[in-house]
């Protein structure tokens, strides 16, 4: 591979099998409000010759600063573990390893345009993920297509996106997003031979269709991230998920369940599906 910076992301399936753009909230979250704090918990069903398990969690929030400007925050976290038992010349061997890490913390801005329904996002992530937390990185990347930036070590991602939301009086809601991100290395090749001299450029898009009322909401959608600066087959550098959210509002709290599937070849070999829940408090 020309750039080793993508080693963890592009080799999620390879690591598990052989052992056998980032935004402030997931695109599969429920309808967003201006001021809120959210907790999301996801558990991927991972594949491999050994038992690979773990979970992903994210604390995120939005706070209005001005009439057209919101502050966005995203703190990802993951735990991953690998266990393998085998016999060799009549002897039983057990291999076990686990990692936990806070991902790359993101801070960003949401800018509301003068056109109704159109907003813009821009932000960056602090390089806070632990470089040696391999299994936690695998779980984080496998859980959410938007967390490629969140669990790659030694990078400074800068991202931007345009978002458009359509709402009808009958409750129909359509969300569309397109954007890109740039990964700037934070270590030199001399400090870490696994880091390339080049930056990485990724493109991202998503589309969601749903129905929402004051007490109930449901959404289904698609999200994609593509590495533009890598060589090789397109399907090996494109990460795609489909999913759905079903939830309800109880006072100022939103509760929902989420279910997702990978549909790209690489991630499908790493994880069967992802399920979890979301809890959001509006203020």
C-alpha atoms as a PDB file:
ATOM      1  CA  UNK A   1       0.000   0.000   0.000  1.00  0.00           C
ATOM      2  CA  UNK A   2       1.398   3.366  -0.984  1.00  0.00           C
ATOM      3  CA  UNK A   3       0.353   5.044   2.248  1.00  0.00           C
ATOM      4  CA  UNK A   4       0.482   3.228   5.578  1.00  0.00           C
ATOM      5  CA  UNK A   5      -1.583   5.939   7.243  1.00  0.00           C
ATOM      6  CA  UNK A   6      -4.711   4.014   6.245  1.00  0.00           C
ATOM      7  CA  UNK A   7      -3.415   0.693   7.552  1.00  0.00           C
ATOM      8  CA  UNK A   8      -5.919   0.365  10.381  1.00  0.00           C
ATOM      9  CA  UNK A   9      -8.971   1.460   8.371  1.00  0.00           C
ATOM     10  CA  UNK A  10      -8.385  -0.403   5.137  1.00  0.00           C
ATOM     11  CA  UNK A  11      -7.211  -3.584   6.885  1.00  0.00           C
ATOM     12  CA  UNK A  12     -10.010  -4.036   9.424  1.00  0.00           C
ATOM     13  CA  UNK A  13     -11.186  -7.211   7.734  1.00  0.00           C
ATOM     14  CA  UNK A  14      -7.654  -8.445   7.065  1.00  0.00           C
ATOM     15  CA  UNK A  15      -6.604  -8.097  10.708  1.00  0.00           C
ATOM     16  CA  UNK A  16      -9.629  -9.967  11.994  1.00  0.00           C
ATOM     17  CA  UNK A  17      -9.601 -12.690   9.358  1.00  0.00           C
ATOM     18  CA  UNK A  18      -5.873 -13.272   9.448  1.00  0.00           C
ATOM     19  CA  UNK A  19      -6.090 -13.582  13.228  1.00  0.00           C
ATOM     20  CA  UNK A  20      -8.483 -16.368  12.271  1.00  0.00           C
ATOM     21  CA  UNK A  21     -15.762  12.779   5.866  1.00  0.00           C
ATOM     22  CA  UNK A  22     -16.150  12.817  10.342  1.00  0.00           C
ATOM     23  CA  UNK A  23     -19.017  14.726  11.665  1.00  0.00           C
ATOM     24  CA  UNK A  24     -20.173  15.648  15.159  1.00  0.00           C
ATOM     25  CA  UNK A  25     -22.935  13.039  15.221  1.00  0.00           C
ATOM     26  CA  UNK A  26     -23.749   9.916  13.304  1.00  0.00           C
ATOM     27  CA  UNK A  27     -25.851  10.398  10.197  1.00  0.00           C
ATOM     28  CA  UNK A  28     -28.145   7.734  11.640  1.00  0.00           C
ATOM     29  CA  UNK A  29     -29.034   9.806  14.697  1.00  0.00           C
ATOM     30  CA  UNK A  30     -32.615  10.926  15.169  1.00  0.00           C
ATOM     31  CA  UNK A  31     -33.769  14.446  14.263  1.00  0.00           C
ATOM     32  CA  UNK A  32     -31.394  17.027  15.717  1.00  0.00           C
ATOM     33  CA  UNK A  33     -32.287  20.117  17.716  1.00  0.00           C
ATOM     34  CA  UNK A  34     -30.275  23.270  18.312  1.00  0.00           C
ATOM     35  CA  UNK A  35     -29.082  22.517  21.849  1.00  0.00           C
ATOM     36  CA  UNK A  36     -28.632  18.912  22.921  1.00  0.00           C
ATOM     37  CA  UNK A  37     -26.294  16.305  24.330  1.00  0.00           C
ATOM     38  CA  UNK A  38     -26.347  12.714  23.092  1.00  0.00           C
ATOM     39  CA  UNK A  39     -24.981   9.318  24.034  1.00  0.00           C
ATOM     40  CA  UNK A  40     -24.737   6.591  21.412  1.00  0.00           C
ATOM     41  CA  UNK A  41     -23.807   2.949  22.101  1.00  0.00           C
ATOM     42  CA  UNK A  42     -23.082   0.506  19.263  1.00  0.00           C
ATOM     43  CA  UNK A  43     -22.059  -3.148  19.332  1.00  0.00           C
ATOM     44  CA  UNK A  44     -20.730  -4.690  16.120  1.00  0.00           C
ATOM     45  CA  UNK A  45     -21.029  -8.409  15.457  1.00  0.00           C
ATOM     46  CA  UNK A  46     -17.454  -9.029  14.355  1.00  0.00           C
ATOM     47  CA  UNK A  47     -16.090 -11.958  12.373  1.00  0.00           C
ATOM     48  CA  UNK A  48     -12.820 -13.872  12.718  1.00  0.00           C
ATOM     49  CA  UNK A  49     -11.248 -17.214  13.551  1.00  0.00           C
ATOM     50  CA  UNK A  50     -11.031 -16.101  17.179  1.00  0.00           C
ATOM     51  CA  UNK A  51     -13.662 -14.389  19.269  1.00  0.00           C
ATOM     52  CA  UNK A  52     -13.535 -10.646  18.575  1.00  0.00           C
ATOM     53  CA  UNK A  53     -15.854  -8.499  20.656  1.00  0.00           C
ATOM     54  CA  UNK A  54     -16.268  -4.980  21.929  1.00  0.00           C
ATOM     55  CA  UNK A  55     -18.404  -1.873  21.812  1.00  0.00           C
ATOM     56  CA  UNK A  56     -18.317   1.710  20.592  1.00  0.00           C
ATOM     57  CA  UNK A  57     -19.695   4.711  22.472  1.00  0.00           C
ATOM     58  CA  UNK A  58     -19.932   8.376  21.558  1.00  0.00           C
ATOM     59  CA  UNK A  59     -20.732  11.478  23.577  1.00  0.00           C
ATOM     60  CA  UNK A  60     -21.733  14.351  21.312  1.00  0.00           C
ATOM     61  CA  UNK A  61     -23.367  17.727  21.646  1.00  0.00           C
ATOM     62  CA  UNK A  62     -24.587  20.843  19.880  1.00  0.00           C
ATOM     63  CA  UNK A  63     -24.811  24.335  21.374  1.00  0.00           C
ATOM     64  CA  UNK A  64     -26.086  27.442  19.603  1.00  0.00           C
ATOM     65  CA  UNK A  65     -23.588  30.317  19.631  1.00  0.00           C
ATOM     66  CA  UNK A  66     -25.376  32.851  17.401  1.00  0.00           C
ATOM     67  CA  UNK A  67     -28.470  32.934  15.189  1.00  0.00           C
ATOM     68  CA  UNK A  68     -26.612  31.079  12.426  1.00  0.00           C
ATOM     69  CA  UNK A  69     -23.748  29.343  14.215  1.00  0.00           C
ATOM     70  CA  UNK A  70     -23.633  26.178  16.373  1.00  0.00           C
ATOM     71  CA  UNK A  71     -20.700  24.576  18.186  1.00  0.00           C
ATOM     72  CA  UNK A  72     -20.359  20.806  17.634  1.00  0.00           C
ATOM     73  CA  UNK A  73     -18.513  18.300  19.837  1.00  0.00           C
ATOM     74  CA  UNK A  74     -17.798  14.577  19.471  1.00  0.00           C
ATOM     75  CA  UNK A  75     -15.925  12.301  21.916  1.00  0.00           C
ATOM     76  CA  UNK A  76     -15.707   8.695  20.620  1.00  0.00           C
ATOM     77  CA  UNK A  77     -14.646   5.726  22.755  1.00  0.00           C
ATOM     78  CA  UNK A  78     -14.143   2.049  21.985  1.00  0.00           C
ATOM     79  CA  UNK A  79     -13.227  -1.208  23.663  1.00  0.00           C
ATOM     80  CA  UNK A  80     -12.080  -4.242  21.717  1.00  0.00           C
ATOM     81  CA  UNK A  81     -10.984  -7.712  22.765  1.00  0.00           C
ATOM     82  CA  UNK A  82      -9.621 -10.778  20.981  1.00  0.00           C
ATOM     83  CA  UNK A  83      -9.670 -14.331  22.360  1.00  0.00           C
ATOM     84  CA  UNK A  84      -8.382 -17.456  20.621  1.00  0.00           C
ATOM     85  CA  UNK A  85      -8.121 -21.017  21.949  1.00  0.00           C
ATOM     86  CA  UNK A  86      -6.304 -23.774  20.078  1.00  0.00           C
ATOM     87  CA  UNK A  87      -4.424 -27.051  20.593  1.00  0.00           C
ATOM     88  CA  UNK A  88      -0.876 -27.701  19.461  1.00  0.00           C
ATOM     89  CA  UNK A  89       0.706 -31.147  19.908  1.00  0.00           C
ATOM     90  CA  UNK A  90      -1.894 -32.003  22.510  1.00  0.00           C
ATOM     91  CA  UNK A  91      -1.396 -28.796  24.500  1.00  0.00           C
ATOM     92  CA  UNK A  92      -4.154 -26.224  24.985  1.00  0.00           C
ATOM     93  CA  UNK A  93      -3.214 -22.598  24.287  1.00  0.00           C
ATOM     94  CA  UNK A  94      -5.322 -19.533  25.039  1.00  0.00           C
ATOM     95  CA  UNK A  95      -4.521 -16.135  23.541  1.00  0.00           C
ATOM     96  CA  UNK A  96      -6.320 -13.081  24.890  1.00  0.00           C
ATOM     97  CA  UNK A  97      -5.807  -9.361  24.353  1.00  0.00           C
ATOM     98  CA  UNK A  98      -7.993  -6.301  24.928  1.00  0.00           C
ATOM     99  CA  UNK A  99      -7.664  -2.562  24.341  1.00  0.00           C
ATOM    100  CA  UNK A 100      -9.633   0.550  25.212  1.00  0.00           C
ATOM    101  CA  UNK A 101      -9.137   4.058  23.880  1.00  0.00           C
ATOM    102  CA  UNK A 102     -10.715   7.456  23.524  1.00  0.00           C
ATOM    103  CA  UNK A 103     -10.866   8.254  19.830  1.00  0.00           C
ATOM    104  CA  UNK A 104      -9.810  11.446  18.131  1.00  0.00           C
ATOM    105  CA  UNK A 105     -11.956  14.160  19.740  1.00  0.00           C
ATOM    106  CA  UNK A 106     -13.750  16.400  17.254  1.00  0.00           C
ATOM    107  CA  UNK A 107     -14.675  20.077  17.497  1.00  0.00           C
ATOM    108  CA  UNK A 108     -16.598  21.784  14.721  1.00  0.00           C
ATOM    109  CA  UNK A 109     -19.037  24.448  13.642  1.00  0.00           C
ATOM    110  CA  UNK A 110     -22.427  24.242  11.957  1.00  0.00           C
ATOM    111  CA  UNK A 111     -23.243  27.290   9.828  1.00  0.00           C
ATOM    112  CA  UNK A 112     -26.829  28.000   8.794  1.00  0.00           C
ATOM    113  CA  UNK A 113     -27.178  29.669   5.403  1.00  0.00           C
ATOM    114  CA  UNK A 114     -29.860  32.116   4.329  1.00  0.00           C
ATOM    115  CA  UNK A 115     -31.457  29.344   2.255  1.00  0.00           C
ATOM    116  CA  UNK A 116     -33.928  27.353   4.313  1.00  0.00           C
ATOM    117  CA  UNK A 117     -32.763  23.818   5.043  1.00  0.00           C
ATOM    118  CA  UNK A 118     -29.142  24.353   3.930  1.00  0.00           C
ATOM    119  CA  UNK A 119     -26.294  24.157   6.469  1.00  0.00           C
ATOM    120  CA  UNK A 120     -22.529  23.755   6.345  1.00  0.00           C
ATOM    121  CA  UNK A 121     -20.211  21.852   8.697  1.00  0.00           C
ATOM    122  CA  UNK A 122     -16.488  22.357   9.258  1.00  0.00           C
ATOM    123  CA  UNK A 123     -14.234  20.930  11.925  1.00  0.00           C
ATOM    124  CA  UNK A 124     -11.147  19.051  12.996  1.00  0.00           C
ATOM    125  CA  UNK A 125     -10.159  16.280  15.380  1.00  0.00           C
ATOM    126  CA  UNK A 126      -7.512  16.276  18.082  1.00  0.00           C
ATOM    127  CA  UNK A 127      -5.082  13.319  17.678  1.00  0.00           C
ATOM    128  CA  UNK A 128      -6.047  11.639  20.966  1.00  0.00           C
ATOM    129  CA  UNK A 129      -6.505   7.972  19.960  1.00  0.00           C
ATOM    130  CA  UNK A 130      -4.019   5.497  21.455  1.00  0.00           C
ATOM    131  CA  UNK A 131      -1.755   4.185  18.719  1.00  0.00           C
ATOM    132  CA  UNK A 132      -1.354   0.719  20.215  1.00  0.00           C
ATOM    133  CA  UNK A 133      -5.060   0.088  20.912  1.00  0.00           C
ATOM    134  CA  UNK A 134      -5.492  -2.060  17.804  1.00  0.00           C
ATOM    135  CA  UNK A 135      -8.629  -4.012  18.760  1.00  0.00           C
ATOM    136  CA  UNK A 136     -10.386  -0.897  20.068  1.00  0.00           C
ATOM    137  CA  UNK A 137      -9.586   0.817  16.759  1.00  0.00           C
ATOM    138  CA  UNK A 138     -11.030  -2.161  14.855  1.00  0.00           C
ATOM    139  CA  UNK A 139     -14.272  -1.973  16.846  1.00  0.00           C
ATOM    140  CA  UNK A 140     -14.562   1.804  16.452  1.00  0.00           C
ATOM    141  CA  UNK A 141     -13.997   1.767  12.706  1.00  0.00           C
ATOM    142  CA  UNK A 142     -16.278  -1.241  12.190  1.00  0.00           C
ATOM    143  CA  UNK A 143     -19.133   0.392  14.118  1.00  0.00           C
ATOM    144  CA  UNK A 144     -19.581   3.666  12.257  1.00  0.00           C
ATOM    145  CA  UNK A 145     -18.498   4.643   8.751  1.00  0.00           C
ATOM    146  CA  UNK A 146     -18.083   8.231   9.993  1.00  0.00           C
ATOM    147  CA  UNK A 147     -15.496   7.144  12.552  1.00  0.00           C
ATOM    148  CA  UNK A 148     -12.675   6.446  10.096  1.00  0.00           C
ATOM    149  CA  UNK A 149     -11.259   9.796  11.246  1.00  0.00           C
ATOM    150  CA  UNK A 150     -11.973   8.963  14.864  1.00  0.00           C
ATOM    151  CA  UNK A 151      -9.743   5.909  15.305  1.00  0.00           C
ATOM    152  CA  UNK A 152      -6.787   6.383  12.946  1.00  0.00           C
ATOM    153  CA  UNK A 153      -3.685   7.407  14.956  1.00  0.00           C
ATOM    154  CA  UNK A 154      -1.171  10.149  14.137  1.00  0.00           C
ATOM    155  CA  UNK A 155      -3.421  12.231  11.891  1.00  0.00           C
ATOM    156  CA  UNK A 156      -5.017  15.674  12.086  1.00  0.00           C
ATOM    157  CA  UNK A 157      -8.273  15.466  10.091  1.00  0.00           C
ATOM    158  CA  UNK A 158      -9.894  18.604   8.675  1.00  0.00           C
ATOM    159  CA  UNK A 159     -13.403  18.116   7.302  1.00  0.00           C
ATOM    160  CA  UNK A 160     -16.244  20.036   5.723  1.00  0.00           C
ATOM    161  CA  UNK A 161     -19.714  19.194   4.432  1.00  0.00           C
ATOM    162  CA  UNK A 162     -22.877  20.699   3.022  1.00  0.00           C
ATOM    163  CA  UNK A 163     -26.219  19.434   4.365  1.00  0.00           C
ATOM    164  CA  UNK A 164     -29.735  19.904   3.044  1.00  0.00           C
ATOM    165  CA  UNK A 165     -32.942  18.984   4.892  1.00  0.00           C
ATOM    166  CA  UNK A 166     -36.416  18.854   3.360  1.00  0.00           C
ATOM    167  CA  UNK A 167     -39.491  18.658   5.580  1.00  0.00           C
ATOM    168  CA  UNK A 168     -43.127  18.332   4.572  1.00  0.00           C
ATOM    169  CA  UNK A 169     -46.197  19.199   6.607  1.00  0.00           C
ATOM    170  CA  UNK A 170     -47.163  15.521   6.579  1.00  0.00           C
ATOM    171  CA  UNK A 171     -43.986  14.537   8.470  1.00  0.00           C
ATOM    172  CA  UNK A 172     -41.744  13.418   5.601  1.00  0.00           C
ATOM    173  CA  UNK A 173     -38.085  14.323   6.108  1.00  0.00           C
ATOM    174  CA  UNK A 174     -35.192  13.896   3.659  1.00  0.00           C
ATOM    175  CA  UNK A 175     -31.569  14.597   4.627  1.00  0.00           C
ATOM    176  CA  UNK A 176     -28.737  14.781   2.078  1.00  0.00           C
ATOM    177  CA  UNK A 177     -25.076  15.432   2.795  1.00  0.00           C
ATOM    178  CA  UNK A 178     -21.881  15.641   0.754  1.00  0.00           C
ATOM    179  CA  UNK A 179     -18.421  16.553   1.983  1.00  0.00           C
ATOM    180  CA  UNK A 180     -14.746  15.730   2.188  1.00  0.00           C
ATOM    181  CA  UNK A 181     -11.937  15.478   4.725  1.00  0.00           C
ATOM    182  CA  UNK A 182      -8.164  15.753   4.646  1.00  0.00           C
ATOM    183  CA  UNK A 183      -5.841  13.766   6.903  1.00  0.00           C
ATOM    184  CA  UNK A 184      -2.589  15.539   7.770  1.00  0.00           C
ATOM    185  CA  UNK A 185       0.114  13.410   9.398  1.00  0.00           C
ATOM    186  CA  UNK A 186       1.286  14.428  12.876  1.00  0.00           C
ATOM    187  CA  UNK A 187       4.482  12.336  12.829  1.00  0.00           C
ATOM    188  CA  UNK A 188       7.321  12.190  10.334  1.00  0.00           C
ATOM    189  CA  UNK A 189       8.505   9.047   8.587  1.00  0.00           C
ATOM    190  CA  UNK A 190      11.626   9.155  10.763  1.00  0.00           C
ATOM    191  CA  UNK A 191       9.494   9.074  13.926  1.00  0.00           C
ATOM    192  CA  UNK A 192       7.159   6.367  12.654  1.00  0.00           C
ATOM    193  CA  UNK A 193       7.930   4.373   9.451  1.00  0.00           C
ATOM    194  CA  UNK A 194       4.231   3.421   9.184  1.00  0.00           C
ATOM    195  CA  UNK A 195       3.369   7.046   8.353  1.00  0.00           C
ATOM    196  CA  UNK A 196       3.613   8.261   4.766  1.00  0.00           C
ATOM    197  CA  UNK A 197       4.736  11.706   3.670  1.00  0.00           C
ATOM    198  CA  UNK A 198       1.439  12.451   1.930  1.00  0.00           C
ATOM    199  CA  UNK A 199      -1.922  13.628   3.165  1.00  0.00           C
ATOM    200  CA  UNK A 200      -5.045  11.595   2.553  1.00  0.00           C
ATOM    201  CA  UNK A 201      -8.212  12.937   0.925  1.00  0.00           C
ATOM    202  CA  UNK A 202     -11.599  11.325   1.545  1.00  0.00           C
ATOM    203  CA  UNK A 203     -15.042  12.027   0.139  1.00  0.00           C
ATOM    204  CA  UNK A 204     -18.280  11.356   1.971  1.00  0.00           C
ATOM    205  CA  UNK A 205     -22.001  11.413   1.299  1.00  0.00           C
ATOM    206  CA  UNK A 206     -25.240  10.263   2.884  1.00  0.00           C
ATOM    207  CA  UNK A 207     -28.961  10.195   2.204  1.00  0.00           C
ATOM    208  CA  UNK A 208     -31.702   9.555   4.755  1.00  0.00           C
ATOM    209  CA  UNK A 209     -35.466   9.354   4.396  1.00  0.00           C
ATOM    210  CA  UNK A 210     -37.775   9.349   7.380  1.00  0.00           C
ATOM    211  CA  UNK A 211     -40.994  10.264   9.070  1.00  0.00           C
ATOM    212  CA  UNK A 212     -41.168  12.400  12.175  1.00  0.00           C
ATOM    213  CA  UNK A 213     -43.803  13.757  14.479  1.00  0.00           C
ATOM    214  CA  UNK A 214     -43.563  15.399  17.881  1.00  0.00           C
ATOM    215  CA  UNK A 215     -43.615  12.048  19.743  1.00  0.00           C
ATOM    216  CA  UNK A 216     -42.226   9.597  17.152  1.00  0.00           C
ATOM    217  CA  UNK A 217     -39.591   9.358  14.425  1.00  0.00           C
ATOM    218  CA  UNK A 218     -38.205   6.724  12.042  1.00  0.00           C
ATOM    219  CA  UNK A 219     -35.368   6.972   9.507  1.00  0.00           C
ATOM    220  CA  UNK A 220     -33.595   4.736   7.028  1.00  0.00           C
ATOM    221  CA  UNK A 221     -30.514   5.729   5.119  1.00  0.00           C
ATOM    222  CA  UNK A 222     -27.152   5.206   3.472  1.00  0.00           C
ATOM    223  CA  UNK A 223     -23.689   6.575   4.310  1.00  0.00           C
ATOM    224  CA  UNK A 224     -20.415   6.312   2.374  1.00  0.00           C
ATOM    225  CA  UNK A 225     -16.756   7.270   2.784  1.00  0.00           C
ATOM    226  CA  UNK A 226     -14.303   6.910  -0.101  1.00  0.00           C
ATOM    227  CA  UNK A 227     -10.508   7.265   0.000  1.00  0.00           C
ATOM    228  CA  UNK A 228      -9.587   9.337  -3.070  1.00  0.00           C
ATOM    229  CA  UNK A 229      -5.794   9.298  -2.728  1.00  0.00           C
ATOM    230  CA  UNK A 230      -5.329   5.520  -2.566  1.00  0.00           C
ATOM    231  CA  UNK A 231      -4.674   3.272  -5.512  1.00  0.00           C
ATOM    232  CA  UNK A 232      -6.278  -0.095  -6.076  1.00  0.00           C
ATOM    233  CA  UNK A 233      -9.831  -1.189  -6.717  1.00  0.00           C
ATOM    234  CA  UNK A 234     -12.580   1.274  -5.900  1.00  0.00           C
ATOM    235  CA  UNK A 235     -14.517  -1.226  -3.781  1.00  0.00           C
ATOM    236  CA  UNK A 236     -11.465  -1.786  -1.559  1.00  0.00           C
ATOM    237  CA  UNK A 237     -11.280   1.889  -0.571  1.00  0.00           C
ATOM    238  CA  UNK A 238     -14.984   2.658  -0.273  1.00  0.00           C
ATOM    239  CA  UNK A 239     -16.763   2.125   3.060  1.00  0.00           C
ATOM    240  CA  UNK A 240     -20.567   1.963   2.996  1.00  0.00           C
ATOM    241  CA  UNK A 241     -23.348   1.415   5.525  1.00  0.00           C
ATOM    242  CA  UNK A 242     -27.101   1.242   5.422  1.00  0.00           C
ATOM    243  CA  UNK A 243     -29.185   1.495   8.552  1.00  0.00           C
ATOM    244  CA  UNK A 244     -32.303   2.559  10.332  1.00  0.00           C
ATOM    245  CA  UNK A 245     -33.398   4.373  13.481  1.00  0.00           C
ATOM    246  CA  UNK A 246     -36.703   4.034  15.323  1.00  0.00           C
ATOM    247  CA  UNK A 247     -37.418   6.192  18.338  1.00  0.00           C
ATOM    248  CA  UNK A 248     -39.732   8.299  20.452  1.00  0.00           C
ATOM    249  CA  UNK A 249     -39.683  11.556  22.406  1.00  0.00           C
ATOM    250  CA  UNK A 250     -40.526  11.558  26.103  1.00  0.00           C
ATOM    251  CA  UNK A 251     -40.537  15.128  27.316  1.00  0.00           C
ATOM    252  CA  UNK A 252     -37.141  16.648  26.531  1.00  0.00           C
ATOM    253  CA  UNK A 253     -35.514  13.207  26.008  1.00  0.00           C
ATOM    254  CA  UNK A 254     -35.286  11.196  22.777  1.00  0.00           C
ATOM    255  CA  UNK A 255     -34.716   7.436  22.933  1.00  0.00           C
ATOM    256  CA  UNK A 256     -34.111   5.274  19.887  1.00  0.00           C
ATOM    257  CA  UNK A 257     -32.778   1.957  18.676  1.00  0.00           C
ATOM    258  CA  UNK A 258     -30.441   1.658  15.713  1.00  0.00           C
ATOM    259  CA  UNK A 259     -29.459  -1.178  13.375  1.00  0.00           C
ATOM    260  CA  UNK A 260     -26.815  -1.015  10.613  1.00  0.00           C
ATOM    261  CA  UNK A 261     -25.205  -3.201   7.968  1.00  0.00           C
ATOM    262  CA  UNK A 262     -21.973  -2.815   6.027  1.00  0.00           C
ATOM    263  CA  UNK A 263     -22.477  -3.244   2.301  1.00  0.00           C
ATOM    264  CA  UNK A 264     -18.894  -2.767   1.080  1.00  0.00           C
ATOM    265  CA  UNK A 265     -16.709  -5.823   0.528  1.00  0.00           C
ATOM    266  CA  UNK A 266     -13.930  -4.948   3.003  1.00  0.00           C
ATOM    267  CA  UNK A 267     -16.063  -4.106   6.041  1.00  0.00           C
ATOM    268  CA  UNK A 268     -18.557  -6.915   5.356  1.00  0.00           C
ATOM    269  CA  UNK A 269     -15.706  -9.360   5.888  1.00  0.00           C
ATOM    270  CA  UNK A 270     -15.082  -7.762   9.291  1.00  0.00           C
ATOM    271  CA  UNK A 271     -18.580  -7.246  10.742  1.00  0.00           C
ATOM    272  CA  UNK A 272     -21.959  -8.865  10.088  1.00  0.00           C
ATOM    273  CA  UNK A 273     -24.083  -6.076  11.526  1.00  0.00           C
ATOM    274  CA  UNK A 274     -24.155  -3.346  14.180  1.00  0.00           C
ATOM    275  CA  UNK A 275     -26.898  -2.630  16.702  1.00  0.00           C
ATOM    276  CA  UNK A 276     -27.310  -0.253  19.609  1.00  0.00           C
ATOM    277  CA  UNK A 277     -29.236   2.640  21.106  1.00  0.00           C
ATOM    278  CA  UNK A 278     -29.163   6.419  21.345  1.00  0.00           C
ATOM    279  CA  UNK A 279     -30.289   8.749  24.116  1.00  0.00           C
ATOM    280  CA  UNK A 280     -30.521  12.510  23.623  1.00  0.00           C
ATOM    281  CA  UNK A 281     -31.437  15.276  26.057  1.00  0.00           C
ATOM    282  CA  UNK A 282     -32.606  18.588  24.635  1.00  0.00           C
ATOM    283  CA  UNK A 283     -32.017  21.831  26.524  1.00  0.00           C
END
